[in-house]
């Protein structure tokens, strides 16, 4: 009956019709009456249940990780911060915003002044009440370059921040019609006094209080009984994240029942996982992409012709089919895809072109091998992807040396430190935020060192442009500039690939913004067995 149980749960999650379920049940020799009983039981399992413990085995944790949300970088801190942190806003599944600590928010007519009304009665884990001063201090800290915050780049437009009563008023240097979307960034969880006193305390106002903090090993939380949003989050008594950077270990832990969720299922084993009873593959197309980064200010990548040669030396279709097994779409060397509103249409798709690549390589004057760094933790299949790039580049007369780096330390010692490496991005709420976070001159996370005044000007202009057609035109110019002059190679945009023990978990509802329900699976799901 394990297969029938699995199928009944697929009906509850909308992945299988009731009619098809009854047909499959009949093929298995099960009566209609018994099959309907199975559906009824599955429906009951979808009702929230409090209690128990939920565990996730995740790739993307290192011994260098910190509870300081300013330093959130890889998947484990991203997911854990959604358990203990609370935010001003949260992205919805349809691409909008849900008000959280910010009960109301709106801009002035010129989009240069934003006023937020702070929800009353929200409690921090230390018993203190969240105030407008805490919110203002949080934004101030992350807007300070000395915080090393991943949100520093997107807050560069902030001019003044003022708390008054239960309101926070932010004035901007330039208009920004989408500024509230920036404040949903996962670094910007609200802390007492903004985290200025102790940013690593792990105190916020989220559904779970931090009980375990063992960087690179595991994290844990206990349900916060005074969490303000009683209706929606915090069903399990405890949540736990176990760092499992090895994909085989993650899969074994899920099969054995050690964990309820895993991230980053390797596309090459998806078909095998789909046949496991009680396990569901939850893949969703979104804004995430797996890039190859070149530092535009570091030899030999400061040579535009060499950058173009390397872009033309990537066989994108081969990579998509071989590495992602089709669970994604080809990229075009700029960081947005059709998942974004106002996507720039009509830009010619870059393809593998050995002849042109060889021409640009010869024009660059470079000779000798080029060192490319990669690791298993960069993205699923990153080692194989680097080797495929090595092979396709060889057809263009370009020699690439692939160096496999250790997983622990990759995000602190290789990414954004070394001039040629593989990486990943999860995407952002808007095109402007994506470019602001990673591709403006002053962005801490400018991992291609693309510092172009024209790009900086267009990013500012697009923020203040209230006419959508004109803003779309600016976005198109930005994409073309990045594609032709930047240090970004985007072979493909990836599906997020999670696996869930659906025979033991209820409430899973995938989210286009990120893996594991945009990080909220532990908080919003419940144990059914």
Protein backbone atom coordinates (compact mmCIF):
# COMPACT_ATOMS: atom_id res chain seq x y z
CA UNK A 1 0.00 0.00 0.00
CA UNK A 2 3.03 2.31 0.14
CA UNK A 3 2.57 3.27 -3.53
CA UNK A 4 -1.13 4.00 -3.03
CA UNK A 5 -0.37 6.10 0.03
CA UNK A 6 2.17 8.05 -2.00
CA UNK A 7 -0.35 8.61 -4.80
CA UNK A 8 -3.05 9.76 -2.38
CA UNK A 9 -0.75 12.44 -1.04
CA UNK A 10 -0.04 13.60 -4.58
CA UNK A 11 -3.78 14.12 -5.00
CA UNK A 12 -3.80 16.34 -1.91
CA UNK A 13 -0.96 18.47 -3.26
CA UNK A 14 -2.59 18.86 -6.68
CA UNK A 15 -0.03 16.69 -8.49
CA UNK A 16 -2.52 13.98 -9.45
CA UNK A 17 -6.24 14.13 -10.22
CA UNK A 18 -8.74 12.16 -8.18
CA UNK A 19 -9.85 10.36 -11.32
CA UNK A 20 -6.31 9.28 -12.18
CA UNK A 21 -5.78 8.17 -8.59
CA UNK A 22 -8.83 5.90 -8.69
CA UNK A 23 -7.67 4.49 -12.00
CA UNK A 24 -4.21 3.70 -10.61
CA UNK A 25 -5.82 2.17 -7.54
CA UNK A 26 -7.97 -0.11 -9.68
CA UNK A 27 -4.89 -1.19 -11.62
CA UNK A 28 -3.34 -2.19 -8.31
CA UNK A 29 -6.38 -4.31 -7.47
CA UNK A 30 -7.75 -1.91 -4.84
CA UNK A 31 -11.49 -1.35 -4.52
CA UNK A 32 -12.99 2.10 -5.08
CA UNK A 33 -14.33 2.15 -1.52
CA UNK A 34 -10.89 1.50 -0.01
CA UNK A 35 -9.25 4.00 -2.37
CA UNK A 36 -11.70 6.71 -1.28
CA UNK A 37 -10.90 5.89 2.35
CA UNK A 38 -7.22 6.42 1.55
CA UNK A 39 -8.05 9.82 0.06
CA UNK A 40 -10.04 10.77 3.15
CA UNK A 41 -7.11 9.85 5.40
CA UNK A 42 -4.72 11.84 3.20
CA UNK A 43 -7.04 14.86 3.41
CA UNK A 44 -7.00 14.66 7.19
CA UNK A 45 -3.20 14.53 7.10
CA UNK A 46 -3.25 17.89 5.32
CA UNK A 47 -4.83 19.55 8.36
CA UNK A 48 -2.15 21.25 10.48
CA UNK A 49 -0.93 19.20 13.42
CA UNK A 50 1.08 20.65 16.28
CA UNK A 51 3.90 18.79 17.95
CA UNK A 52 6.90 16.66 17.12
CA UNK A 53 10.14 17.62 15.44
CA UNK A 54 10.96 18.37 11.83
CA UNK A 55 14.46 17.94 10.45
CA UNK A 56 16.13 19.02 7.23
CA UNK A 57 19.43 17.76 5.81
CA UNK A 58 20.89 20.61 3.81
CA UNK A 59 23.83 21.40 1.62
CA UNK A 60 25.31 24.84 2.03
CA UNK A 61 26.71 25.03 5.56
CA UNK A 62 30.24 25.84 6.67
CA UNK A 63 32.20 26.06 9.89
CA UNK A 64 32.64 29.77 9.18
CA UNK A 65 28.90 30.52 9.24
CA UNK A 66 27.52 33.02 11.74
CA UNK A 67 24.12 33.89 13.18
CA UNK A 68 24.73 37.50 12.16
CA UNK A 69 22.08 37.89 9.42
CA UNK A 70 24.26 40.47 7.67
CA UNK A 71 26.59 37.59 6.80
CA UNK A 72 23.93 35.16 5.55
CA UNK A 73 25.41 33.66 2.42
CA UNK A 74 24.70 30.00 1.65
CA UNK A 75 21.66 27.76 1.95
CA UNK A 76 21.90 26.69 5.60
CA UNK A 77 22.00 30.23 7.04
CA UNK A 78 19.31 31.22 4.54
CA UNK A 79 16.95 28.47 5.71
CA UNK A 80 17.73 28.77 9.42
CA UNK A 81 17.22 32.54 9.50
CA UNK A 82 13.66 32.01 8.26
CA UNK A 83 12.99 29.93 11.40
CA UNK A 84 14.22 32.40 14.03
CA UNK A 85 13.94 35.67 12.14
CA UNK A 86 11.00 37.90 11.32
CA UNK A 87 10.96 40.46 8.54
CA UNK A 88 9.22 43.65 7.53
CA UNK A 89 7.84 41.98 4.41
CA UNK A 90 7.78 38.58 2.81
CA UNK A 91 7.52 37.52 -0.83
CA UNK A 92 4.30 35.77 -1.79
CA UNK A 93 3.94 32.92 -4.25
CA UNK A 94 2.44 35.21 -6.89
CA UNK A 95 5.37 37.62 -6.75
CA UNK A 96 3.77 40.16 -4.44
CA UNK A 97 4.53 41.20 -0.87
CA UNK A 98 2.98 40.15 2.42
CA UNK A 99 3.15 42.64 5.29
CA UNK A 100 4.83 41.18 8.37
CA UNK A 101 6.34 43.52 10.98
CA UNK A 102 5.51 46.38 8.63
CA UNK A 103 1.71 46.43 8.97
CA UNK A 104 1.38 49.11 6.32
CA UNK A 105 3.82 50.78 3.92
CA UNK A 106 3.62 53.28 1.13
CA UNK A 107 5.62 55.85 -0.85
CA UNK A 108 5.17 59.55 -1.39
CA UNK A 109 3.96 60.69 -4.80
CA UNK A 110 7.54 61.07 -5.99
CA UNK A 111 8.60 57.65 -4.54
CA UNK A 112 11.40 59.30 -2.56
CA UNK A 113 9.87 58.97 0.92
CA UNK A 114 8.57 55.68 2.29
CA UNK A 115 6.52 55.44 5.49
CA UNK A 116 6.04 52.16 7.33
CA UNK A 117 3.60 51.57 10.16
CA UNK A 118 5.10 49.02 12.55
CA UNK A 119 2.83 46.24 13.78
CA UNK A 120 2.09 46.55 17.49
CA UNK A 121 2.50 43.76 20.04
CA UNK A 122 5.19 41.77 18.20
CA UNK A 123 7.56 40.25 20.74
CA UNK A 124 11.24 39.46 20.47
CA UNK A 125 12.54 36.15 21.84
CA UNK A 126 14.03 38.02 24.81
CA UNK A 127 10.60 39.31 25.85
CA UNK A 128 11.00 42.86 24.60
CA UNK A 129 8.49 44.39 22.21
CA UNK A 130 9.53 45.24 18.66
CA UNK A 131 9.58 49.01 18.20
CA UNK A 132 10.00 51.40 15.32
CA UNK A 133 13.43 52.21 16.76
CA UNK A 134 14.47 48.54 16.39
CA UNK A 135 13.36 48.58 12.75
CA UNK A 136 15.19 51.82 12.01
CA UNK A 137 18.34 50.53 13.71
CA UNK A 138 18.21 47.32 11.68
CA UNK A 139 18.14 49.21 8.38
CA UNK A 140 20.84 51.59 9.62
CA UNK A 141 23.17 48.73 10.50
CA UNK A 142 22.82 46.95 7.18
CA UNK A 143 23.22 50.24 5.30
CA UNK A 144 26.59 50.75 7.02
CA UNK A 145 29.45 49.45 4.88
CA UNK A 146 31.30 48.38 8.05
CA UNK A 147 28.60 45.77 8.72
CA UNK A 148 29.75 43.80 5.64
CA UNK A 149 26.08 43.09 5.07
CA UNK A 150 24.93 41.30 1.94
CA UNK A 151 22.13 43.90 1.87
CA UNK A 152 24.49 46.88 1.83
CA UNK A 153 24.30 47.27 -1.94
CA UNK A 154 20.51 47.43 -2.09
CA UNK A 155 20.38 50.04 0.69
CA UNK A 156 22.81 52.42 -0.98
CA UNK A 157 19.92 54.67 -2.02
CA UNK A 158 18.88 55.34 1.59
CA UNK A 159 19.44 58.92 2.68
CA UNK A 160 17.81 59.22 6.13
CA UNK A 161 15.95 56.90 8.50
CA UNK A 162 13.71 58.24 11.26
CA UNK A 163 11.57 56.45 13.86
CA UNK A 164 8.62 58.34 15.27
CA UNK A 165 5.97 56.64 17.40
CA UNK A 166 5.02 53.47 15.58
CA UNK A 167 6.25 54.66 12.20
CA UNK A 168 9.54 54.52 10.35
CA UNK A 169 10.12 57.11 7.64
CA UNK A 170 12.87 56.48 5.08
CA UNK A 171 13.93 59.13 2.61
CA UNK A 172 15.81 58.08 -0.49
CA UNK A 173 18.44 59.86 -2.54
CA UNK A 174 16.63 58.90 -5.74
CA UNK A 175 13.04 57.74 -6.30
CA UNK A 176 12.37 54.00 -6.01
CA UNK A 177 8.88 52.71 -6.75
CA UNK A 178 9.86 49.18 -5.60
CA UNK A 179 11.81 50.01 -2.45
CA UNK A 180 9.54 47.90 -0.21
CA UNK A 181 10.58 44.80 -2.18
CA UNK A 182 14.19 45.42 -1.18
CA UNK A 183 13.19 45.29 2.48
CA UNK A 184 12.06 41.67 2.05
CA UNK A 185 15.72 40.70 1.57
CA UNK A 186 16.67 37.72 3.76
CA UNK A 187 19.48 39.60 5.47
CA UNK A 188 17.10 42.20 6.87
CA UNK A 189 15.48 40.30 9.71
CA UNK A 190 14.58 42.59 12.59
CA UNK A 191 16.75 42.44 15.72
CA UNK A 192 16.75 44.33 19.04
CA UNK A 193 18.45 47.66 18.36
CA UNK A 194 19.03 46.37 14.86
CA UNK A 195 21.68 43.92 16.04
CA UNK A 196 24.06 46.78 16.80
CA UNK A 197 24.70 45.45 20.30
CA UNK A 198 25.11 41.77 19.49
CA UNK A 199 24.38 40.77 15.88
CA UNK A 200 25.14 37.08 16.55
CA UNK A 201 22.68 36.71 19.45
CA UNK A 202 20.15 34.83 17.32
CA UNK A 203 17.34 36.96 18.77
CA UNK A 204 14.55 38.16 16.54
CA UNK A 205 10.77 37.65 16.48
CA UNK A 206 10.40 34.53 14.32
CA UNK A 207 8.47 31.32 15.04
CA UNK A 208 11.42 29.51 16.67
CA UNK A 209 13.98 30.44 19.31
CA UNK A 210 17.56 29.37 18.64
CA UNK A 211 18.61 26.43 20.83
CA UNK A 212 21.49 24.95 18.83
CA UNK A 213 24.17 26.86 16.95
CA UNK A 214 26.96 24.58 15.74
CA UNK A 215 28.31 26.11 12.51
CA UNK A 216 28.98 23.55 9.82
CA UNK A 217 27.27 20.82 11.87
CA UNK A 218 23.70 21.54 12.96
CA UNK A 219 21.21 24.15 14.11
CA UNK A 220 18.08 23.86 16.18
CA UNK A 221 15.09 25.84 17.35
CA UNK A 222 12.27 25.51 19.86
CA UNK A 223 8.81 26.87 19.08
CA UNK A 224 8.39 30.44 20.32
CA UNK A 225 5.06 30.36 22.12
CA UNK A 226 4.64 34.14 21.94
CA UNK A 227 5.11 34.31 18.18
CA UNK A 228 2.68 36.93 16.94
CA UNK A 229 1.28 35.03 13.92
CA UNK A 230 -0.35 32.08 15.68
CA UNK A 231 -2.35 31.01 12.65
CA UNK A 232 0.37 30.29 10.13
CA UNK A 233 3.71 29.18 11.49
CA UNK A 234 5.47 27.09 14.09
CA UNK A 235 3.59 23.77 14.07
CA UNK A 236 6.45 21.50 15.17
CA UNK A 237 7.71 21.72 18.75
CA UNK A 238 11.27 21.73 17.46
CA UNK A 239 13.08 22.17 14.17
CA UNK A 240 16.57 21.07 13.26
CA UNK A 241 18.89 21.58 10.33
CA UNK A 242 21.73 19.10 9.87
CA UNK A 243 24.53 20.22 7.58
CA UNK A 244 24.99 17.56 4.89
CA UNK A 245 27.13 18.86 2.07
CA UNK A 246 27.49 15.41 0.53
CA UNK A 247 24.54 14.60 -1.80
CA UNK A 248 24.74 10.85 -1.12
CA UNK A 249 24.52 11.45 2.62
CA UNK A 250 21.49 13.72 2.18
CA UNK A 251 19.65 11.15 0.11
CA UNK A 252 20.46 8.34 2.55
CA UNK A 253 19.25 10.45 5.48
CA UNK A 254 15.93 11.09 3.74
CA UNK A 255 15.44 7.43 2.85
CA UNK A 256 16.24 6.25 6.37
CA UNK A 257 13.87 8.73 7.97
CA UNK A 258 16.62 10.73 9.67
CA UNK A 259 15.38 13.92 7.99
CA UNK A 260 12.09 15.07 6.45
CA UNK A 261 13.48 17.44 3.81
CA UNK A 262 16.61 17.75 1.71
CA UNK A 263 17.66 20.43 -0.74
CA UNK A 264 19.64 20.34 -3.96
CA UNK A 265 18.68 16.91 -5.25
CA UNK A 266 21.03 16.13 -8.10
CA UNK A 267 19.09 16.13 -11.39
CA UNK A 268 20.83 12.93 -12.48
CA UNK A 269 19.08 10.94 -9.71
CA UNK A 270 15.65 12.60 -9.89
CA UNK A 271 14.05 9.76 -11.83
CA UNK A 272 15.31 7.25 -9.26
CA UNK A 273 14.05 9.35 -6.34
CA UNK A 274 10.62 9.66 -7.92
CA UNK A 275 10.21 5.89 -7.63
CA UNK A 276 10.87 5.84 -3.88
CA UNK A 277 7.70 5.24 -1.84
CA UNK A 278 6.80 8.07 0.51
CA UNK A 279 9.21 10.55 -1.10
CA UNK A 280 8.25 13.40 -3.39
CA UNK A 281 10.46 15.50 -5.66
CA UNK A 282 9.40 19.13 -5.38
CA UNK A 283 10.94 21.04 -8.26
CA UNK A 284 9.94 24.56 -9.16
CA UNK A 285 11.15 26.93 -11.84
CA UNK A 286 12.17 30.32 -10.56
CA UNK A 287 14.83 32.98 -10.76
CA UNK A 288 17.84 30.95 -9.61
CA UNK A 289 20.86 30.51 -11.87
CA UNK A 290 24.25 28.81 -11.78
CA UNK A 291 26.87 31.23 -13.14
CA UNK A 292 30.53 31.16 -14.02
CA UNK A 293 32.08 34.37 -12.67
CA UNK A 294 35.01 36.31 -14.10
CA UNK A 295 36.54 39.30 -12.29
CA UNK A 296 36.47 42.13 -14.84
CA UNK A 297 39.26 43.97 -13.02
CA UNK A 298 41.70 41.05 -12.73
CA UNK A 299 43.99 39.68 -15.48
CA UNK A 300 43.38 37.96 -17.77
CA UNK A 301 39.64 38.64 -17.38
CA UNK A 302 40.10 42.40 -17.57
CA UNK A 303 40.39 41.78 -21.31
CA UNK A 304 36.93 42.14 -22.88
CA UNK A 305 37.87 39.95 -25.85
CA UNK A 306 38.90 37.10 -23.57
CA UNK A 307 35.64 37.37 -21.65
CA UNK A 308 33.71 37.17 -24.90
CA UNK A 309 35.75 34.17 -26.05
CA UNK A 310 34.88 32.31 -22.86
CA UNK A 311 31.19 33.19 -23.17
CA UNK A 312 31.09 31.81 -26.71
CA UNK A 313 33.00 28.69 -25.61
CA UNK A 314 30.15 27.43 -23.40
CA UNK A 315 27.87 24.77 -24.88
CA UNK A 316 24.73 25.81 -22.98
CA UNK A 317 22.35 23.23 -24.43
CA UNK A 318 24.76 20.41 -23.64
CA UNK A 319 25.15 21.68 -20.08
CA UNK A 320 21.41 22.04 -19.58
CA UNK A 321 20.70 18.49 -20.72
CA UNK A 322 23.76 16.85 -19.15
CA UNK A 323 23.93 18.67 -15.81
CA UNK A 324 20.31 19.67 -15.16
CA UNK A 325 18.67 16.91 -17.24
CA UNK A 326 16.39 19.58 -18.63
CA UNK A 327 15.26 20.89 -15.22
CA UNK A 328 15.94 24.49 -16.16
CA UNK A 329 16.41 26.83 -19.13
CA UNK A 330 19.45 28.15 -20.97
CA UNK A 331 20.90 31.46 -19.85
CA UNK A 332 22.03 34.42 -21.91
CA UNK A 333 24.77 35.98 -19.74
CA UNK A 334 22.56 38.41 -17.86
CA UNK A 335 21.03 37.61 -14.46
CA UNK A 336 17.28 37.64 -15.15
CA UNK A 337 14.86 35.32 -16.93
CA UNK A 338 11.17 35.24 -17.83
CA UNK A 339 10.23 34.67 -14.19
CA UNK A 340 10.76 38.42 -13.67
CA UNK A 341 8.13 41.03 -14.53
CA UNK A 342 9.19 43.29 -17.42
CA UNK A 343 11.62 40.69 -18.77
CA UNK A 344 13.48 42.16 -21.77
CA UNK A 345 12.30 40.33 -24.88
CA UNK A 346 14.05 40.03 -28.21
CA UNK A 347 17.69 39.76 -27.10
CA UNK A 348 19.53 37.30 -29.33
CA UNK A 349 20.29 34.03 -27.53
CA UNK A 350 24.02 33.40 -27.24
CA UNK A 351 25.05 29.94 -28.48
CA UNK A 352 28.18 27.82 -28.59
CA UNK A 353 30.29 29.14 -31.42
CA UNK A 354 33.82 27.63 -31.56
CA UNK A 355 34.88 29.68 -34.59
CA UNK A 356 33.95 33.06 -33.10
CA UNK A 357 35.30 32.03 -29.71
CA UNK A 358 38.65 31.22 -31.32
CA UNK A 359 38.65 34.60 -33.10
CA UNK A 360 38.04 36.53 -29.88
CA UNK A 361 40.59 34.41 -28.04
CA UNK A 362 43.24 35.17 -30.66
CA UNK A 363 42.33 38.85 -30.55
CA UNK A 364 42.75 38.88 -26.74
CA UNK A 365 46.41 37.91 -27.09
CA UNK A 366 46.18 35.48 -24.18
CA UNK A 367 48.09 32.20 -24.12
CA UNK A 368 48.43 29.40 -21.62
CA UNK A 369 45.88 27.75 -19.36
CA UNK A 370 43.16 29.54 -17.39
CA UNK A 371 42.40 28.33 -13.84
CA UNK A 372 38.72 27.67 -13.06
CA UNK A 373 37.78 26.84 -9.47
CA UNK A 374 34.75 24.79 -8.52
CA UNK A 375 33.32 22.60 -5.77
CA UNK A 376 30.46 20.21 -5.08
CA UNK A 377 28.80 22.93 -3.00
CA UNK A 378 28.73 25.50 -5.82
CA UNK A 379 25.67 23.75 -7.25
CA UNK A 380 24.57 20.16 -7.99
CA UNK A 381 26.77 18.90 -10.81
CA UNK A 382 29.24 21.80 -10.58
CA UNK A 383 32.28 19.54 -11.01
CA UNK A 384 30.82 17.97 -14.14
CA UNK A 385 29.77 21.40 -15.43
CA UNK A 386 33.32 22.71 -15.09
CA UNK A 387 34.66 19.70 -16.96
CA UNK A 388 32.11 20.13 -19.76
CA UNK A 389 33.20 23.77 -20.04
CA UNK A 390 36.80 22.61 -20.17
CA UNK A 391 35.96 20.26 -23.04
CA UNK A 392 33.93 22.75 -25.08
CA UNK A 393 36.59 25.44 -24.59
CA UNK A 394 39.25 23.04 -25.86
CA UNK A 395 37.33 22.88 -29.15
CA UNK A 396 37.88 26.63 -29.38
CA UNK A 397 41.60 26.41 -28.70
CA UNK A 398 41.21 27.58 -25.09
CA UNK A 399 42.85 25.59 -22.29
CA UNK A 400 41.01 25.60 -18.96
CA UNK A 401 42.48 24.01 -15.85
CA UNK A 402 39.77 22.85 -13.44
CA UNK A 403 40.59 22.90 -9.73
CA UNK A 404 38.24 21.18 -7.31
CA UNK A 405 38.11 23.12 -4.03
CA UNK A 406 36.95 21.82 -0.62
CA UNK A 407 33.31 22.49 0.21
CA UNK A 408 34.03 23.88 3.66
CA UNK A 409 35.42 27.33 3.02
CA UNK A 410 34.31 27.62 -0.61
CA UNK A 411 31.95 30.51 0.09
CA UNK A 412 34.39 32.32 2.37
CA UNK A 413 37.68 31.68 0.55
CA UNK A 414 36.83 31.12 -3.12
CA UNK A 415 33.54 32.79 -4.07
CA UNK A 416 33.96 36.55 -4.45
CA UNK A 417 37.66 36.12 -3.66
CA UNK A 418 39.04 34.21 -6.66
CA UNK A 419 38.76 35.62 -10.20
CA UNK A 420 37.24 32.62 -12.03
CA UNK A 421 34.85 30.25 -10.30
CA UNK A 422 31.43 28.62 -10.35
CA UNK A 423 28.67 29.89 -8.09
CA UNK A 424 24.92 30.17 -7.67
CA UNK A 425 22.34 32.91 -7.20
CA UNK A 426 18.80 32.43 -5.96
CA UNK A 427 17.43 35.48 -7.75
CA UNK A 428 15.73 38.52 -6.22
CA UNK A 429 12.25 40.02 -6.09
CA UNK A 430 12.79 42.52 -8.92
CA UNK A 431 15.24 43.05 -11.76
CA UNK A 432 16.49 46.22 -10.15
CA UNK A 433 17.22 44.41 -6.90
CA UNK A 434 19.12 41.67 -8.74
CA UNK A 435 21.37 44.15 -10.51
CA UNK A 436 21.76 46.30 -7.39
CA UNK A 437 22.77 43.33 -5.24
CA UNK A 438 25.35 41.86 -7.57
CA UNK A 439 26.29 44.12 -10.45
CA UNK A 440 26.66 47.73 -9.34
CA UNK A 441 30.06 49.23 -8.60
CA UNK A 442 29.54 49.55 -4.84
CA UNK A 443 27.84 46.19 -4.21
CA UNK A 444 29.66 43.97 -1.69
CA UNK A 445 28.41 40.95 -3.63
CA UNK A 446 29.63 42.15 -7.02
CA UNK A 447 31.20 38.76 -7.70
CA UNK A 448 32.25 39.67 -11.25
CA UNK A 449 33.82 43.03 -10.30
CA UNK A 450 31.75 44.61 -13.07
CA UNK A 451 32.06 48.31 -12.25
CA UNK A 452 30.47 50.20 -15.08
CA UNK A 453 29.23 53.81 -14.62
CA UNK A 454 26.63 53.35 -17.35
CA UNK A 455 25.19 50.34 -15.52
CA UNK A 456 25.15 52.26 -12.24
CA UNK A 457 23.27 55.12 -13.90
CA UNK A 458 20.69 52.81 -15.46
CA UNK A 459 20.09 51.02 -12.16
CA UNK A 460 19.30 54.36 -10.53
CA UNK A 461 17.15 55.47 -13.47
CA UNK A 462 15.09 52.27 -13.47
CA UNK A 463 14.27 52.66 -9.77
CA UNK A 464 12.64 56.02 -10.27
CA UNK A 465 10.91 55.32 -13.57
CA UNK A 466 7.20 54.93 -12.81
CA UNK A 467 6.23 54.25 -16.44
CA UNK A 468 6.49 50.46 -16.84
CA UNK A 469 7.20 50.50 -20.56
CA UNK A 470 10.04 52.96 -20.09
CA UNK A 471 11.39 50.94 -17.16
CA UNK A 472 11.24 47.80 -19.32
CA UNK A 473 13.32 49.60 -21.93
CA UNK A 474 15.94 50.50 -19.34
CA UNK A 475 15.99 46.89 -18.13
CA UNK A 476 16.62 45.76 -21.71
CA UNK A 477 19.57 48.14 -22.06
CA UNK A 478 20.96 46.85 -18.75
CA UNK A 479 20.67 43.23 -19.90
CA UNK A 480 22.43 43.92 -23.22
CA UNK A 481 25.25 45.81 -21.48
CA UNK A 482 25.76 42.99 -19.00
CA UNK A 483 25.59 40.32 -21.71
CA UNK A 484 28.13 41.99 -23.98
CA UNK A 485 30.57 43.61 -21.54
CA UNK A 486 30.15 41.97 -18.14
CA UNK A 487 32.07 39.17 -16.47
CA UNK A 488 29.01 36.97 -16.03
CA UNK A 489 28.50 33.67 -17.84
CA UNK A 490 25.04 32.19 -17.26
CA UNK A 491 24.87 28.74 -18.88
CA UNK A 492 21.47 28.01 -17.34
CA UNK A 493 18.72 28.95 -14.92
CA UNK A 494 17.93 26.07 -12.60
CA UNK A 495 14.86 24.54 -11.08
CA UNK A 496 14.95 24.35 -7.30
CA UNK A 497 15.05 20.61 -6.53
CA UNK A 498 13.89 19.54 -3.07
CA UNK A 499 12.86 16.10 -1.84
CA UNK A 500 10.26 15.69 0.90
CA UNK A 501 9.17 12.70 2.98
CA UNK A 502 5.51 13.16 2.10
CA UNK A 503 4.58 10.06 4.09
CA UNK A 504 5.67 11.90 7.24
CA UNK A 505 5.08 15.57 6.42
CA UNK A 506 2.02 17.65 5.63
CA UNK A 507 1.60 21.16 4.33
CA UNK A 508 4.41 21.33 1.78
CA UNK A 509 3.58 24.05 -0.76
CA UNK A 510 6.49 24.97 -3.03
CA UNK A 511 7.46 28.57 -3.63
CA UNK A 512 8.98 30.11 -6.77
CA UNK A 513 11.21 32.43 -4.69
CA UNK A 514 13.48 29.72 -3.36
CA UNK A 515 14.15 26.21 -2.15
CA UNK A 516 12.14 24.54 0.60
CA UNK A 517 9.19 26.94 0.36
CA UNK A 518 11.51 29.95 0.26
CA UNK A 519 13.10 28.65 3.46
CA UNK A 520 9.87 28.28 5.43
CA UNK A 521 9.22 24.54 5.10
CA UNK A 522 10.33 23.71 8.65
CA UNK A 523 8.15 26.45 10.10
CA UNK A 524 5.03 25.93 7.98
CA UNK A 525 4.88 22.16 7.55
CA UNK A 526 3.91 19.63 10.20
CA UNK A 527 4.75 16.07 11.15
CA UNK A 528 2.08 13.52 10.23
CA UNK A 529 3.90 10.39 11.44
